[in-house]
Protein backbone atom coordinates (compact mmCIF):
# COMPACT_ATOMS: atom_id res chain seq x y z
CA MET A 1 21.11 20.28 8.05
CA THR A 2 17.77 21.24 6.59
CA ALA A 3 14.54 19.32 6.39
CA HIS A 4 14.76 19.27 2.60
CA SER A 5 18.28 17.93 2.27
CA LEU A 6 19.54 14.38 2.18
CA ALA A 7 20.27 12.75 5.53
CA ASP A 8 24.01 12.65 6.15
CA ARG A 9 25.28 9.58 7.97
CA HIS A 10 27.80 11.72 9.87
CA HIS A 11 24.91 13.69 11.37
CA SER A 12 22.52 10.75 11.86
CA CYS A 13 21.53 8.53 14.75
CA LEU A 14 19.17 5.57 14.46
CA ILE A 15 16.54 5.28 17.21
CA VAL A 16 14.79 1.93 17.66
CA ILE A 17 11.58 2.47 19.64
CA ASP A 18 9.71 -0.13 21.70
CA VAL A 19 10.01 -3.24 19.54
CA GLN A 20 8.71 -5.64 22.15
CA GLN A 21 6.66 -8.80 21.74
CA TYR A 22 3.78 -7.13 23.58
CA PHE A 23 3.45 -4.53 20.81
CA LEU A 24 4.29 -6.91 17.95
CA ASP A 25 1.45 -9.17 19.06
CA LYS A 26 -1.00 -6.35 18.27
CA LEU A 27 0.01 -6.42 14.59
CA PRO A 28 -1.46 -8.75 11.99
CA LEU A 29 0.57 -11.96 12.03
CA ASP A 30 1.92 -11.51 8.50
CA LEU A 31 3.40 -8.07 9.35
CA ARG A 32 5.33 -8.99 12.49
CA ARG A 33 8.38 -10.83 11.17
CA PRO A 34 8.90 -8.60 8.09
CA VAL A 35 8.92 -5.35 10.08
CA VAL A 36 11.42 -6.78 12.59
CA GLN A 37 13.63 -8.03 9.73
CA ARG A 38 13.62 -4.56 8.15
CA MET A 39 14.56 -2.90 11.43
CA ALA A 40 17.33 -5.44 12.10
CA TRP A 41 18.73 -4.87 8.62
CA LEU A 42 18.83 -1.09 9.10
CA MET A 43 20.52 -1.53 12.48
CA GLY A 44 23.21 -3.63 10.76
CA VAL A 45 23.66 -0.95 8.11
CA ALA A 46 23.96 1.72 10.83
CA ARG A 47 26.66 -0.33 12.58
CA GLN A 48 28.57 -0.77 9.29
CA LEU A 49 28.47 3.01 8.78
CA ASP A 50 29.36 3.91 12.40
CA ILE A 51 25.97 5.53 12.96
CA PRO A 52 25.03 5.52 16.66
CA ILE A 53 21.98 3.52 17.71
CA ILE A 54 19.70 4.32 20.64
CA ALA A 55 17.13 1.70 21.64
CA THR A 56 14.15 1.93 23.95
CA ALA A 57 11.67 -0.55 25.39
CA GLU A 58 8.51 0.72 27.06
CA ASP A 59 7.90 -0.30 30.67
CA VAL A 60 10.18 -3.35 30.47
CA GLU A 61 8.89 -4.89 33.70
CA ARG A 62 5.34 -5.00 32.34
CA ASP A 63 5.79 -5.19 28.55
CA GLY A 64 9.04 -7.16 28.27
CA PRO A 65 12.45 -6.47 26.69
CA LEU A 66 13.47 -5.46 23.20
CA VAL A 67 12.95 -8.50 20.96
CA PRO A 68 16.07 -10.71 20.73
CA GLU A 69 16.48 -10.22 16.96
CA LEU A 70 17.05 -6.51 17.53
CA ALA A 71 18.93 -6.76 20.81
CA ALA A 72 21.47 -8.89 18.90
CA GLU A 73 21.98 -6.03 16.43
CA LEU A 74 22.90 -3.46 19.07
CA PRO A 75 26.55 -2.43 19.36
CA ALA A 76 28.42 -4.14 22.20
CA GLY A 77 27.60 -2.56 25.54
CA ALA A 78 24.65 -0.54 24.24
CA ALA A 79 21.89 0.01 26.77
CA VAL A 80 18.20 -0.36 26.06
CA HIS A 81 16.46 2.53 27.77
CA ASP A 82 13.40 1.64 29.84
CA LYS A 83 10.96 4.21 28.45
CA ILE A 84 8.04 5.22 30.63
CA ILE A 85 6.94 8.29 28.67
CA PHE A 86 5.54 7.93 25.15
CA GLY A 87 7.71 10.72 23.72
CA LEU A 88 11.35 9.83 24.39
CA MET A 89 12.51 13.46 24.62
CA ASP A 90 10.30 13.91 27.69
CA GLN A 91 12.34 11.35 29.63
CA PRO A 92 15.56 12.86 31.03
CA ASP A 93 17.87 9.84 30.64
CA ILE A 94 16.85 9.27 27.01
CA ARG A 95 17.04 12.99 26.21
CA LYS A 96 20.56 12.96 27.66
CA ALA A 97 21.49 9.95 25.47
CA VAL A 98 20.12 11.78 22.39
CA GLN A 99 22.13 14.89 23.22
CA ALA A 100 25.27 12.84 23.94
CA THR A 101 25.35 11.58 20.34
CA GLY A 102 26.15 15.06 19.08
CA ARG A 103 23.95 14.26 16.08
CA ASP A 104 21.11 16.39 14.75
CA THR A 105 19.25 13.93 12.49
CA PHE A 106 17.34 11.10 14.16
CA VAL A 107 16.01 8.25 12.05
CA LEU A 108 13.10 6.54 13.80
CA VAL A 109 12.01 2.92 13.47
CA GLY A 110 9.83 0.85 15.76
CA LEU A 111 6.39 0.74 17.32
CA GLU A 112 3.80 2.25 17.35
CA THR A 113 3.65 4.77 14.51
CA ASP A 114 0.75 6.84 15.80
CA VAL A 115 1.84 6.95 19.44
CA CYS A 116 5.48 6.56 20.53
CA ILE A 117 6.97 7.16 17.07
CA ALA A 118 4.83 10.28 16.56
CA HIS A 119 5.35 11.63 20.09
CA SER A 120 9.10 11.08 19.79
CA ALA A 121 9.29 12.70 16.35
CA PHE A 122 7.43 15.78 17.56
CA GLY A 123 9.60 15.97 20.69
CA LEU A 124 12.81 15.70 18.67
CA ARG A 125 11.64 18.44 16.32
CA SER A 126 10.65 20.68 19.24
CA ALA A 127 14.17 20.24 20.63
CA GLY A 128 15.64 21.52 17.35
CA HIS A 129 16.49 18.15 15.81
CA ARG A 130 15.50 16.63 12.47
CA PRO A 131 13.40 13.48 12.85
CA ILE A 132 12.92 11.13 9.89
CA VAL A 133 10.37 8.33 10.30
CA ILE A 134 10.95 5.20 8.23
CA GLU A 135 7.59 4.22 6.77
CA ASP A 136 8.36 0.55 6.13
CA ALA A 137 10.23 -0.01 9.41
CA THR A 138 7.53 1.34 11.73
CA ALA A 139 4.14 -0.17 12.47
CA SER A 140 0.85 0.08 14.32
CA PRO A 141 -2.22 -2.11 14.07
CA PRO A 142 -4.32 -1.12 11.04
CA PRO A 143 -5.59 1.51 10.38
CA HIS A 144 -3.39 3.36 12.86
CA HIS A 145 -0.09 3.04 10.95
CA GLU A 146 -1.45 4.91 7.94
CA ALA A 147 -3.20 7.45 10.17
CA GLY A 148 0.04 8.05 12.07
CA LEU A 149 2.05 8.50 8.86
CA ARG A 150 -0.57 10.89 7.51
CA ARG A 151 -0.45 13.02 10.66
CA LEU A 152 3.34 13.10 10.62
CA ARG A 153 3.46 14.17 6.96
CA GLU A 154 0.74 16.78 7.42
CA SER A 155 2.71 18.19 10.36
CA GLY A 156 5.89 18.49 8.33
CA ILE A 157 7.74 15.50 9.81
CA GLU A 158 9.80 13.74 7.16
CA VAL A 159 8.80 10.22 6.22
CA ALA A 160 11.24 8.09 4.20
CA THR A 161 11.64 4.47 3.18
CA LEU A 162 14.24 1.89 4.14
CA LYS A 163 15.76 1.94 0.66
CA GLY A 164 15.69 5.73 0.59
CA ILE A 165 17.52 6.22 3.90
CA PHE A 166 20.03 3.51 2.95
CA TYR A 167 21.10 5.42 -0.15
CA GLU A 168 21.09 8.76 1.66
CA TRP A 169 23.48 7.32 4.23
CA VAL A 170 25.66 5.52 1.67
CA ARG A 171 25.87 8.35 -0.91
CA ASP A 172 28.69 7.00 -3.08
CA LEU A 173 29.86 3.84 -4.81
CA ALA A 174 32.98 3.43 -2.65
CA THR A 175 30.84 3.26 0.49
CA LEU A 176 28.30 1.04 -1.23
CA HIS A 177 31.00 -1.46 -2.22
CA ARG A 178 32.47 -1.37 1.31
CA ILE A 179 29.20 -2.41 2.97
CA LYS A 180 27.50 -4.25 0.10
CA ALA A 181 28.38 -7.73 1.35
CA HIS A 182 26.69 -7.08 4.69
CA ALA A 183 23.76 -5.21 3.19
CA ASN A 184 23.00 -7.94 0.65
CA ALA A 185 23.63 -10.86 3.03
CA ALA A 186 21.02 -9.64 5.50
CA LEU A 187 18.63 -8.09 2.96
CA PRO A 188 15.07 -8.54 4.22
CA PRO A 189 12.57 -10.21 1.89
CA GLY A 190 10.88 -7.77 -0.45
CA LEU A 191 13.60 -5.11 -0.26
CA THR A 192 15.66 -4.49 -3.38
CA LEU A 193 18.59 -2.12 -3.52
């Protein structure tokens, strides 16, 4: 694995960070549903490709659970980690879950780009992992999303798109045909493959 190679699905884990109504309500109304739809779609793709998924929700007692649309996309029996530290690698139970995957590439989606996504990406990189932030499946209230992406890029953290990571994970026509029915059935508005 190198930062300038394609992401391999056999080395990848999808991390869904803090997609709670509390944080969604900070976004412009027209961005809320589309970003959740894009995350849900990628979670479905990850399940089809046997890519592990880790989910967090920040301070569940105060900020509420993972939104139902994404909770429904988790593999059976998957836990949603109650995150109380912005950077997930600084919380022992989540760090243990990351290590337990045996993966070295962590694809990040969720909220908020300039805080929990950024802190988590930096923490993953510091621990020797490869974080990849998905630009169109992360969000923060404007102008913070763009500022967060800019900081990540300037710091050498990889930023990819939903379509880009999909094709990196799929890699060949046999795999594409195997999952195409699911991928197309749940395709979020505005995404073309």
